[in-house]
Amino acid sequence: MSDRSAPPTLSAIIITKNEACDIGACLASLKPWVDEIIVFDSGSTDGTQAICREHGAIVHETDWPGFGPQKQRALDQARGTWVLSIDADERVPAELRDEILACIAAPTAELYDLPRRSNYCGAWIHHSGWSPDYVLRLFRRGRARFSDDLVHERVIGVDGTRGERLKTPLLHYTYRDFSEVLGKIDSYSSYGAAQKVARGKHGGLRRAVLHGMWNFIRTYVVKLGFLDGKMGFILAVSNAEASYYRYLKMMLLRDDIRGNEPQARQ
């Protein structure tokens, strides 16, 4: 148990792999007001680890078990009274910094949601299911953990009350260009397919088409993506592609599993 009479301390936790383009700006937005920065890096070859160390981060070199398990590893190493989970492509503006410090100095709860504003290939997205976007990122250590999801992990509150949402958005620079979009569609759909198949879910061509169509309609129409102009349309298409490929890969994974099952003797 932490001593609540002692001044609160704050640990920031980050996972990385080849984030040299983003990590410096992320870490600069955390200095010098964060007491400890924990980075778990899974094999960067672009100088990410050196940049982290230059900013005073504690760097752990490790393998890659998936997003949720990796973030839990980082959380397990945190020693602050409070923990801020942040991604390498995110930044904490000064106004949000002040809100965070005020929360931990005089807390009314153990869990806090931060608003997030996301940039997609150079454009800020105001609708499309990306805004409003609230994420649980600030919590008292010991009162939250990460889900074990390979991708699209989330923070799960454990025996803690949720406070009022903070006001200033966390800035999220999701994709620099469309090559990065396509690369992440490929990798994330593979992680998602493996995760769903492991949980007994089924893919298939029909499901791939229907889920892809629904994700386009959901993003562009239901979530008002058309108000984001041409970038809203492009984002809706990329969401549809991600869903379509995830269900196709699920189908292929299950076919592989069945193909490798031993045949019963005649």
C-alpha atoms as a PDB file:
ATOM      1  CA  MET A   1       0.000   0.000   0.000  1.00  0.00           C
ATOM      2  CA  SER A   2       1.271   3.492  -0.816  1.00  0.00           C
ATOM      3  CA  ASP A   3       1.560   6.140   1.901  1.00  0.00           C
ATOM      4  CA  ARG A   4      -1.174   8.616   1.065  1.00  0.00           C
ATOM      5  CA  SER A   5       0.375  11.186   3.408  1.00  0.00           C
ATOM      6  CA  ALA A   6       3.477  11.380   1.197  1.00  0.00           C
ATOM      7  CA  PRO A   7       3.550  13.717  -1.828  1.00  0.00           C
ATOM      8  CA  PRO A   8       2.087  11.953  -4.862  1.00  0.00           C
ATOM      9  CA  THR A   9       4.432  10.767  -7.588  1.00  0.00           C
ATOM     10  CA  LEU A  10       3.618  10.045 -11.217  1.00  0.00           C
ATOM     11  CA  SER A  11       4.970   7.319 -13.500  1.00  0.00           C
ATOM     12  CA  ALA A  12       4.472   7.464 -17.269  1.00  0.00           C
ATOM     13  CA  ILE A  13       4.511   4.113 -19.092  1.00  0.00           C
ATOM     14  CA  ILE A  14       5.119   3.687 -22.832  1.00  0.00           C
ATOM     15  CA  ILE A  15       5.676   0.737 -25.170  1.00  0.00           C
ATOM     16  CA  THR A  16       7.773   1.184 -28.311  1.00  0.00           C
ATOM     17  CA  LYS A  17       9.171  -0.388 -31.435  1.00  0.00           C
ATOM     18  CA  ASN A  18      10.836   1.791 -34.070  1.00  0.00           C
ATOM     19  CA  GLU A  19       9.198   5.015 -32.864  1.00  0.00           C
ATOM     20  CA  ALA A  20      12.123   7.375 -33.541  1.00  0.00           C
ATOM     21  CA  CYS A  21       9.878   9.732 -35.529  1.00  0.00           C
ATOM     22  CA  ASP A  22       7.492  10.256 -32.590  1.00  0.00           C
ATOM     23  CA  ILE A  23       9.026   9.293 -29.270  1.00  0.00           C
ATOM     24  CA  GLY A  24      11.152  12.410 -28.793  1.00  0.00           C
ATOM     25  CA  ALA A  25       8.145  14.749 -28.956  1.00  0.00           C
ATOM     26  CA  CYS A  26       6.155  12.441 -26.705  1.00  0.00           C
ATOM     27  CA  LEU A  27       8.873  12.374 -24.040  1.00  0.00           C
ATOM     28  CA  ALA A  28       9.453  16.122 -24.296  1.00  0.00           C
ATOM     29  CA  SER A  29       5.785  16.660 -23.426  1.00  0.00           C
ATOM     30  CA  LEU A  30       6.338  14.648 -20.214  1.00  0.00           C
ATOM     31  CA  LYS A  31       9.470  16.466 -18.989  1.00  0.00           C
ATOM     32  CA  PRO A  32      10.153  17.561 -16.323  1.00  0.00           C
ATOM     33  CA  TRP A  33       6.825  17.147 -14.526  1.00  0.00           C
ATOM     34  CA  VAL A  34       6.654  13.309 -14.611  1.00  0.00           C
ATOM     35  CA  ASP A  35       8.702  11.643 -11.861  1.00  0.00           C
ATOM     36  CA  GLU A  36       9.475   8.425 -13.750  1.00  0.00           C
ATOM     37  CA  ILE A  37       9.216   7.282 -17.374  1.00  0.00           C
ATOM     38  CA  ILE A  38       9.132   3.530 -18.023  1.00  0.00           C
ATOM     39  CA  VAL A  39       9.641   2.348 -21.623  1.00  0.00           C
ATOM     40  CA  PHE A  40       9.277  -1.249 -22.789  1.00  0.00           C
ATOM     41  CA  ASP A  41      10.891  -1.631 -26.201  1.00  0.00           C
ATOM     42  CA  SER A  42      10.510  -4.738 -28.350  1.00  0.00           C
ATOM     43  CA  GLY A  43      13.495  -4.656 -30.664  1.00  0.00           C
ATOM     44  CA  SER A  44      13.769  -1.162 -32.116  1.00  0.00           C
ATOM     45  CA  THR A  45      16.473  -0.735 -34.760  1.00  0.00           C
ATOM     46  CA  ASP A  46      16.003   2.988 -35.520  1.00  0.00           C
ATOM     47  CA  GLY A  47      17.512   4.584 -32.424  1.00  0.00           C
ATOM     48  CA  THR A  48      14.314   4.680 -30.364  1.00  0.00           C
ATOM     49  CA  GLN A  49      16.031   3.282 -27.262  1.00  0.00           C
ATOM     50  CA  ALA A  50      18.816   5.857 -27.399  1.00  0.00           C
ATOM     51  CA  ILE A  51      16.298   8.714 -27.700  1.00  0.00           C
ATOM     52  CA  CYS A  52      14.412   7.370 -24.684  1.00  0.00           C
ATOM     53  CA  ARG A  53      17.557   7.184 -22.586  1.00  0.00           C
ATOM     54  CA  GLU A  54      18.554  10.703 -23.630  1.00  0.00           C
ATOM     55  CA  HIS A  55      15.252  11.877 -22.131  1.00  0.00           C
ATOM     56  CA  GLY A  56      15.935  10.046 -18.873  1.00  0.00           C
ATOM     57  CA  ALA A  57      13.569   7.127 -19.427  1.00  0.00           C
ATOM     58  CA  ILE A  58      14.157   3.708 -17.888  1.00  0.00           C
ATOM     59  CA  VAL A  59      14.279   1.386 -20.914  1.00  0.00           C
ATOM     60  CA  HIS A  60      13.509  -2.332 -20.754  1.00  0.00           C
ATOM     61  CA  GLU A  61      14.406  -4.384 -23.847  1.00  0.00           C
ATOM     62  CA  THR A  62      12.004  -7.266 -24.298  1.00  0.00           C
ATOM     63  CA  ASP A  63      10.132  -9.523 -26.702  1.00  0.00           C
ATOM     64  CA  TRP A  64       6.665  -8.833 -28.113  1.00  0.00           C
ATOM     65  CA  PRO A  65       3.710 -10.611 -26.427  1.00  0.00           C
ATOM     66  CA  GLY A  66       1.012  -8.272 -27.805  1.00  0.00           C
ATOM     67  CA  PHE A  67      -0.204  -4.807 -26.841  1.00  0.00           C
ATOM     68  CA  GLY A  68      -2.116  -5.634 -23.663  1.00  0.00           C
ATOM     69  CA  PRO A  69       0.507  -7.945 -22.104  1.00  0.00           C
ATOM     70  CA  GLN A  70       3.339  -5.560 -23.023  1.00  0.00           C
ATOM     71  CA  LYS A  71       1.618  -2.584 -21.399  1.00  0.00           C
ATOM     72  CA  GLN A  72       0.946  -4.681 -18.307  1.00  0.00           C
ATOM     73  CA  ARG A  73       4.668  -5.473 -18.126  1.00  0.00           C
ATOM     74  CA  ALA A  74       5.408  -1.743 -18.160  1.00  0.00           C
ATOM     75  CA  LEU A  75       2.756  -1.097 -15.510  1.00  0.00           C
ATOM     76  CA  ASP A  76       4.260  -3.786 -13.282  1.00  0.00           C
ATOM     77  CA  GLN A  77       7.542  -1.827 -13.240  1.00  0.00           C
ATOM     78  CA  ALA A  78       5.970   1.526 -12.347  1.00  0.00           C
ATOM     79  CA  ARG A  79       6.638   2.803  -8.839  1.00  0.00           C
ATOM     80  CA  GLY A  80       4.721   6.074  -8.799  1.00  0.00           C
ATOM     81  CA  THR A  81       1.637   6.672  -6.698  1.00  0.00           C
ATOM     82  CA  TRP A  82      -0.154   7.430  -9.959  1.00  0.00           C
ATOM     83  CA  VAL A  83       0.326   6.097 -13.493  1.00  0.00           C
ATOM     84  CA  LEU A  84      -0.175   7.802 -16.835  1.00  0.00           C
ATOM     85  CA  SER A  85      -0.333   5.425 -19.801  1.00  0.00           C
ATOM     86  CA  ILE A  86       0.634   7.123 -23.043  1.00  0.00           C
ATOM     87  CA  ASP A  87       1.543   5.958 -26.545  1.00  0.00           C
ATOM     88  CA  ALA A  88       4.601   7.081 -28.478  1.00  0.00           C
ATOM     89  CA  ASP A  89       2.438   8.953 -31.009  1.00  0.00           C
ATOM     90  CA  GLU A  90       0.658  10.996 -28.309  1.00  0.00           C
ATOM     91  CA  ARG A  91       1.517  14.343 -26.703  1.00  0.00           C
ATOM     92  CA  VAL A  92       0.437  15.975 -23.429  1.00  0.00           C
ATOM     93  CA  PRO A  93      -0.208  19.700 -23.969  1.00  0.00           C
ATOM     94  CA  ALA A  94       0.533  22.108 -21.121  1.00  0.00           C
ATOM     95  CA  GLU A  95      -3.128  22.586 -20.177  1.00  0.00           C
ATOM     96  CA  LEU A  96      -3.631  18.817 -19.818  1.00  0.00           C
ATOM     97  CA  ARG A  97      -0.425  18.581 -17.795  1.00  0.00           C
ATOM     98  CA  ASP A  98      -1.857  21.112 -15.332  1.00  0.00           C
ATOM     99  CA  GLU A  99      -5.132  19.158 -15.073  1.00  0.00           C
ATOM    100  CA  ILE A 100      -3.285  15.903 -14.417  1.00  0.00           C
ATOM    101  CA  LEU A 101      -1.114  17.427 -11.705  1.00  0.00           C
ATOM    102  CA  ALA A 102      -4.185  18.973 -10.070  1.00  0.00           C
ATOM    103  CA  CYS A 103      -5.964  15.590 -10.110  1.00  0.00           C
ATOM    104  CA  ILE A 104      -3.174  13.719  -8.381  1.00  0.00           C
ATOM    105  CA  ALA A 105      -2.517  16.537  -5.885  1.00  0.00           C
ATOM    106  CA  ALA A 106      -6.138  16.551  -4.670  1.00  0.00           C
ATOM    107  CA  PRO A 107      -7.764  13.379  -6.025  1.00  0.00           C
ATOM    108  CA  THR A 108     -11.502  12.793  -5.847  1.00  0.00           C
ATOM    109  CA  ALA A 109     -11.249   9.340  -7.442  1.00  0.00           C
ATOM    110  CA  GLU A 110      -8.740   6.657  -8.494  1.00  0.00           C
ATOM    111  CA  LEU A 111      -9.469   6.492 -12.228  1.00  0.00           C
ATOM    112  CA  TYR A 112      -9.638   9.349 -14.732  1.00  0.00           C
ATOM    113  CA  ASP A 113     -10.632   9.462 -18.407  1.00  0.00           C
ATOM    114  CA  LEU A 114      -8.783  11.802 -20.742  1.00  0.00           C
ATOM    115  CA  PRO A 115     -10.322  13.228 -23.913  1.00  0.00           C
ATOM    116  CA  ARG A 116      -8.282  12.528 -27.027  1.00  0.00           C
ATOM    117  CA  ARG A 117      -8.033  14.413 -30.332  1.00  0.00           C
ATOM    118  CA  SER A 118      -6.635  12.393 -33.236  1.00  0.00           C
ATOM    119  CA  ASN A 119      -4.790  13.435 -36.369  1.00  0.00           C
ATOM    120  CA  TYR A 120      -5.181  11.216 -39.452  1.00  0.00           C
ATOM    121  CA  CYS A 121      -2.574  11.756 -42.184  1.00  0.00           C
ATOM    122  CA  GLY A 122      -2.286  15.447 -41.368  1.00  0.00           C
ATOM    123  CA  ALA A 123      -5.980  16.190 -40.682  1.00  0.00           C
ATOM    124  CA  TRP A 124      -7.667  16.525 -37.296  1.00  0.00           C
ATOM    125  CA  ILE A 125     -10.720  14.267 -37.131  1.00  0.00           C
ATOM    126  CA  HIS A 126     -13.761  15.730 -35.372  1.00  0.00           C
ATOM    127  CA  HIS A 127     -16.311  12.948 -35.966  1.00  0.00           C
ATOM    128  CA  SER A 128     -16.072   9.444 -37.557  1.00  0.00           C
ATOM    129  CA  GLY A 129     -16.218   7.714 -34.156  1.00  0.00           C
ATOM    130  CA  TRP A 130     -12.881   9.305 -33.250  1.00  0.00           C
ATOM    131  CA  SER A 131     -14.341  12.331 -31.507  1.00  0.00           C
ATOM    132  CA  PRO A 132     -15.511  12.577 -28.836  1.00  0.00           C
ATOM    133  CA  ASP A 133     -13.023   9.934 -27.695  1.00  0.00           C
ATOM    134  CA  TYR A 134     -12.430   9.354 -23.994  1.00  0.00           C
ATOM    135  CA  VAL A 135      -9.739   6.945 -22.818  1.00  0.00           C
ATOM    136  CA  LEU A 136      -8.900   5.757 -19.295  1.00  0.00           C
ATOM    137  CA  ARG A 137      -5.219   6.649 -18.985  1.00  0.00           C
ATOM    138  CA  LEU A 138      -4.654   8.158 -15.535  1.00  0.00           C
ATOM    139  CA  PHE A 139      -5.082   5.964 -12.468  1.00  0.00           C
ATOM    140  CA  ARG A 140      -3.771   5.267  -9.009  1.00  0.00           C
ATOM    141  CA  ARG A 141      -1.264   2.432  -9.146  1.00  0.00           C
ATOM    142  CA  GLY A 142      -2.879  -0.808  -8.022  1.00  0.00           C
ATOM    143  CA  ARG A 143      -6.356   0.300  -9.068  1.00  0.00           C
ATOM    144  CA  ALA A 144      -6.183  -0.654 -12.756  1.00  0.00           C
ATOM    145  CA  ARG A 145      -4.647  -3.193 -15.094  1.00  0.00           C
ATOM    146  CA  PHE A 146      -4.484  -3.822 -18.844  1.00  0.00           C
ATOM    147  CA  SER A 147      -6.609  -6.318 -20.724  1.00  0.00           C
ATOM    148  CA  ASP A 148      -4.699  -9.224 -22.283  1.00  0.00           C
ATOM    149  CA  ASP A 149      -5.811  -8.309 -25.822  1.00  0.00           C
ATOM    150  CA  LEU A 150      -3.158  -8.654 -28.508  1.00  0.00           C
ATOM    151  CA  VAL A 151      -4.482  -5.456 -30.121  1.00  0.00           C
ATOM    152  CA  HIS A 152      -7.002  -2.769 -29.120  1.00  0.00           C
ATOM    153  CA  GLU A 153      -6.108  -3.304 -25.479  1.00  0.00           C
ATOM    154  CA  ARG A 154      -7.811  -1.250 -22.779  1.00  0.00           C
ATOM    155  CA  VAL A 155      -7.271  -0.174 -19.185  1.00  0.00           C
ATOM    156  CA  ILE A 156      -9.583  -1.980 -16.778  1.00  0.00           C
ATOM    157  CA  GLY A 157     -10.391  -0.339 -13.466  1.00  0.00           C
ATOM    158  CA  VAL A 158      -9.932  -2.535 -10.402  1.00  0.00           C
ATOM    159  CA  ASP A 159     -11.656  -1.523  -7.153  1.00  0.00           C
ATOM    160  CA  GLY A 160     -11.536   2.187  -7.874  1.00  0.00           C
ATOM    161  CA  THR A 161     -13.978   5.037  -8.423  1.00  0.00           C
ATOM    162  CA  ARG A 162     -14.031   6.959 -11.691  1.00  0.00           C
ATOM    163  CA  GLY A 163     -13.594  10.695 -11.455  1.00  0.00           C
ATOM    164  CA  GLU A 164     -14.871  13.516 -13.610  1.00  0.00           C
ATOM    165  CA  ARG A 165     -13.427  13.503 -17.111  1.00  0.00           C
ATOM    166  CA  LEU A 166     -10.539  15.848 -17.774  1.00  0.00           C
ATOM    167  CA  LYS A 167     -11.140  18.710 -20.191  1.00  0.00           C
ATOM    168  CA  THR A 168      -8.010  19.213 -22.323  1.00  0.00           C
ATOM    169  CA  PRO A 169      -7.481  16.649 -25.097  1.00  0.00           C
ATOM    170  CA  LEU A 170      -4.490  14.351 -25.333  1.00  0.00           C
ATOM    171  CA  LEU A 171      -3.081  14.883 -28.839  1.00  0.00           C
ATOM    172  CA  HIS A 172      -2.837  11.705 -30.902  1.00  0.00           C
ATOM    173  CA  TYR A 173      -0.877  11.633 -34.184  1.00  0.00           C
ATOM    174  CA  THR A 174      -2.139   8.299 -35.492  1.00  0.00           C
ATOM    175  CA  TYR A 175      -0.757   8.017 -39.040  1.00  0.00           C
ATOM    176  CA  ARG A 176       1.774  10.141 -40.890  1.00  0.00           C
ATOM    177  CA  ASP A 177       0.803   8.905 -44.357  1.00  0.00           C
ATOM    178  CA  PHE A 178      -1.221   6.272 -46.188  1.00  0.00           C
ATOM    179  CA  SER A 179       1.651   3.816 -46.359  1.00  0.00           C
ATOM    180  CA  GLU A 180       1.521   3.693 -42.563  1.00  0.00           C
ATOM    181  CA  VAL A 181      -2.269   3.254 -42.699  1.00  0.00           C
ATOM    182  CA  LEU A 182      -1.924   0.236 -44.996  1.00  0.00           C
ATOM    183  CA  GLY A 183       0.841  -1.267 -42.888  1.00  0.00           C
ATOM    184  CA  LYS A 184      -1.195  -1.014 -39.709  1.00  0.00           C
ATOM    185  CA  ILE A 185      -4.320  -2.387 -41.393  1.00  0.00           C
ATOM    186  CA  ASP A 186      -2.265  -5.455 -42.279  1.00  0.00           C
ATOM    187  CA  SER A 187      -0.628  -5.937 -38.864  1.00  0.00           C
ATOM    188  CA  TYR A 188      -3.672  -5.064 -36.746  1.00  0.00           C
ATOM    189  CA  SER A 189      -5.999  -7.270 -38.790  1.00  0.00           C
ATOM    190  CA  SER A 190      -3.570 -10.161 -38.288  1.00  0.00           C
ATOM    191  CA  TYR A 191      -3.437  -9.605 -34.514  1.00  0.00           C
ATOM    192  CA  GLY A 192      -7.203  -9.218 -34.360  1.00  0.00           C
ATOM    193  CA  ALA A 193      -7.826 -12.367 -36.395  1.00  0.00           C
ATOM    194  CA  ALA A 194      -5.507 -14.460 -34.227  1.00  0.00           C
ATOM    195  CA  GLN A 195      -7.141 -13.121 -31.080  1.00  0.00           C
ATOM    196  CA  LYS A 196     -10.688 -13.849 -32.251  1.00  0.00           C
ATOM    197  CA  VAL A 197      -9.848 -17.342 -33.503  1.00  0.00           C
ATOM    198  CA  ALA A 198      -8.164 -18.126 -30.177  1.00  0.00           C
ATOM    199  CA  ARG A 199     -11.452 -17.165 -28.503  1.00  0.00           C
ATOM    200  CA  GLY A 200     -13.461 -19.474 -30.737  1.00  0.00           C
ATOM    201  CA  LYS A 201     -14.801 -16.873 -33.190  1.00  0.00           C
ATOM    202  CA  HIS A 202     -15.417 -17.637 -36.864  1.00  0.00           C
ATOM    203  CA  GLY A 203     -14.579 -15.685 -40.005  1.00  0.00           C
ATOM    204  CA  GLY A 204     -15.679 -16.295 -43.571  1.00  0.00           C
ATOM    205  CA  LEU A 205     -16.151 -14.449 -46.859  1.00  0.00           C
ATOM    206  CA  ARG A 206     -19.767 -13.454 -46.157  1.00  0.00           C
ATOM    207  CA  ARG A 207     -18.900 -12.173 -42.692  1.00  0.00           C
ATOM    208  CA  ALA A 208     -15.887 -10.291 -44.082  1.00  0.00           C
ATOM    209  CA  VAL A 209     -18.045  -8.469 -46.657  1.00  0.00           C
ATOM    210  CA  LEU A 210     -20.876  -7.685 -44.226  1.00  0.00           C
ATOM    211  CA  HIS A 211     -18.582  -6.492 -41.444  1.00  0.00           C
ATOM    212  CA  GLY A 212     -16.609  -4.383 -43.894  1.00  0.00           C
ATOM    213  CA  MET A 213     -19.790  -2.759 -45.245  1.00  0.00           C
ATOM    214  CA  TRP A 214     -21.114  -2.131 -41.744  1.00  0.00           C
ATOM    215  CA  ASN A 215     -17.881  -0.516 -40.589  1.00  0.00           C
ATOM    216  CA  PHE A 216     -17.986   1.871 -43.534  1.00  0.00           C
ATOM    217  CA  ILE A 217     -21.630   2.803 -42.826  1.00  0.00           C
ATOM    218  CA  ARG A 218     -20.971   3.106 -39.097  1.00  0.00           C
ATOM    219  CA  THR A 219     -17.965   5.403 -39.576  1.00  0.00           C
ATOM    220  CA  TYR A 220     -19.236   7.543 -42.446  1.00  0.00           C
ATOM    221  CA  VAL A 221     -22.963   7.771 -41.680  1.00  0.00           C
ATOM    222  CA  VAL A 222     -23.777   6.750 -38.097  1.00  0.00           C
ATOM    223  CA  LYS A 223     -20.694   8.438 -36.611  1.00  0.00           C
ATOM    224  CA  LEU A 224     -21.024  11.456 -38.960  1.00  0.00           C
ATOM    225  CA  GLY A 225     -17.761  10.846 -40.799  1.00  0.00           C
ATOM    226  CA  PHE A 226     -19.130  12.746 -43.799  1.00  0.00           C
ATOM    227  CA  LEU A 227     -18.698  15.917 -41.724  1.00  0.00           C
ATOM    228  CA  ASP A 228     -14.932  15.293 -41.790  1.00  0.00           C
ATOM    229  CA  GLY A 229     -14.948  15.766 -45.575  1.00  0.00           C
ATOM    230  CA  LYS A 230     -12.723  13.715 -47.831  1.00  0.00           C
ATOM    231  CA  MET A 231     -10.624  12.489 -44.912  1.00  0.00           C
ATOM    232  CA  GLY A 232     -13.764  11.177 -43.238  1.00  0.00           C
ATOM    233  CA  PHE A 233     -14.527   9.145 -46.355  1.00  0.00           C
ATOM    234  CA  ILE A 234     -10.963   7.831 -46.539  1.00  0.00           C
ATOM    235  CA  LEU A 235     -11.027   6.899 -42.852  1.00  0.00           C
ATOM    236  CA  ALA A 236     -14.336   5.070 -43.314  1.00  0.00           C
ATOM    237  CA  VAL A 237     -12.840   3.070 -46.196  1.00  0.00           C
ATOM    238  CA  SER A 238      -9.754   2.158 -44.149  1.00  0.00           C
ATOM    239  CA  ASN A 239     -11.968   1.028 -41.237  1.00  0.00           C
ATOM    240  CA  ALA A 240     -13.969  -1.111 -43.651  1.00  0.00           C
ATOM    241  CA  GLU A 241     -10.781  -2.629 -45.083  1.00  0.00           C
ATOM    242  CA  ALA A 242      -9.447  -3.441 -41.602  1.00  0.00           C
ATOM    243  CA  SER A 243     -12.629  -5.300 -40.700  1.00  0.00           C
ATOM    244  CA  TYR A 244     -12.830  -7.070 -44.069  1.00  0.00           C
ATOM    245  CA  TYR A 245      -9.254  -8.362 -43.875  1.00  0.00           C
ATOM    246  CA  ARG A 246      -9.636  -9.374 -40.217  1.00  0.00           C
ATOM    247  CA  TYR A 247     -12.544 -11.704 -41.027  1.00  0.00           C
ATOM    248  CA  LEU A 248     -10.804 -13.066 -44.120  1.00  0.00           C
ATOM    249  CA  LYS A 249      -7.703 -13.851 -42.060  1.00  0.00           C
ATOM    250  CA  MET A 250      -9.885 -15.524 -39.435  1.00  0.00           C
ATOM    251  CA  MET A 251     -11.274 -17.791 -42.163  1.00  0.00           C
ATOM    252  CA  LEU A 252      -7.788 -18.655 -43.402  1.00  0.00           C
ATOM    253  CA  LEU A 253      -6.483 -19.267 -39.881  1.00  0.00           C
ATOM    254  CA  ARG A 254      -9.304 -21.689 -39.117  1.00  0.00           C
ATOM    255  CA  ASP A 255      -8.694 -23.444 -42.463  1.00  0.00           C
ATOM    256  CA  ASP A 256      -5.033 -23.864 -41.463  1.00  0.00           C
ATOM    257  CA  ILE A 257      -6.037 -25.224 -38.060  1.00  0.00           C
ATOM    258  CA  ARG A 258      -8.402 -27.749 -39.604  1.00  0.00           C
ATOM    259  CA  GLY A 259      -5.808 -28.694 -42.194  1.00  0.00           C
ATOM    260  CA  ASN A 260      -3.277 -29.476 -39.457  1.00  0.00           C
ATOM    261  CA  GLU A 261      -5.649 -31.594 -37.375  1.00  0.00           C
ATOM    262  CA  PRO A 262      -4.781 -35.307 -37.395  1.00  0.00           C
ATOM    263  CA  GLN A 263      -7.104 -37.357 -39.554  1.00  0.00           C
ATOM    264  CA  ALA A 264      -9.176 -40.054 -37.889  1.00  0.00           C
ATOM    265  CA  ARG A 265      -8.299 -43.586 -38.925  1.00  0.00           C
ATOM    266  CA  GLN A 266     -10.739 -45.237 -41.319  1.00  0.00           C
END
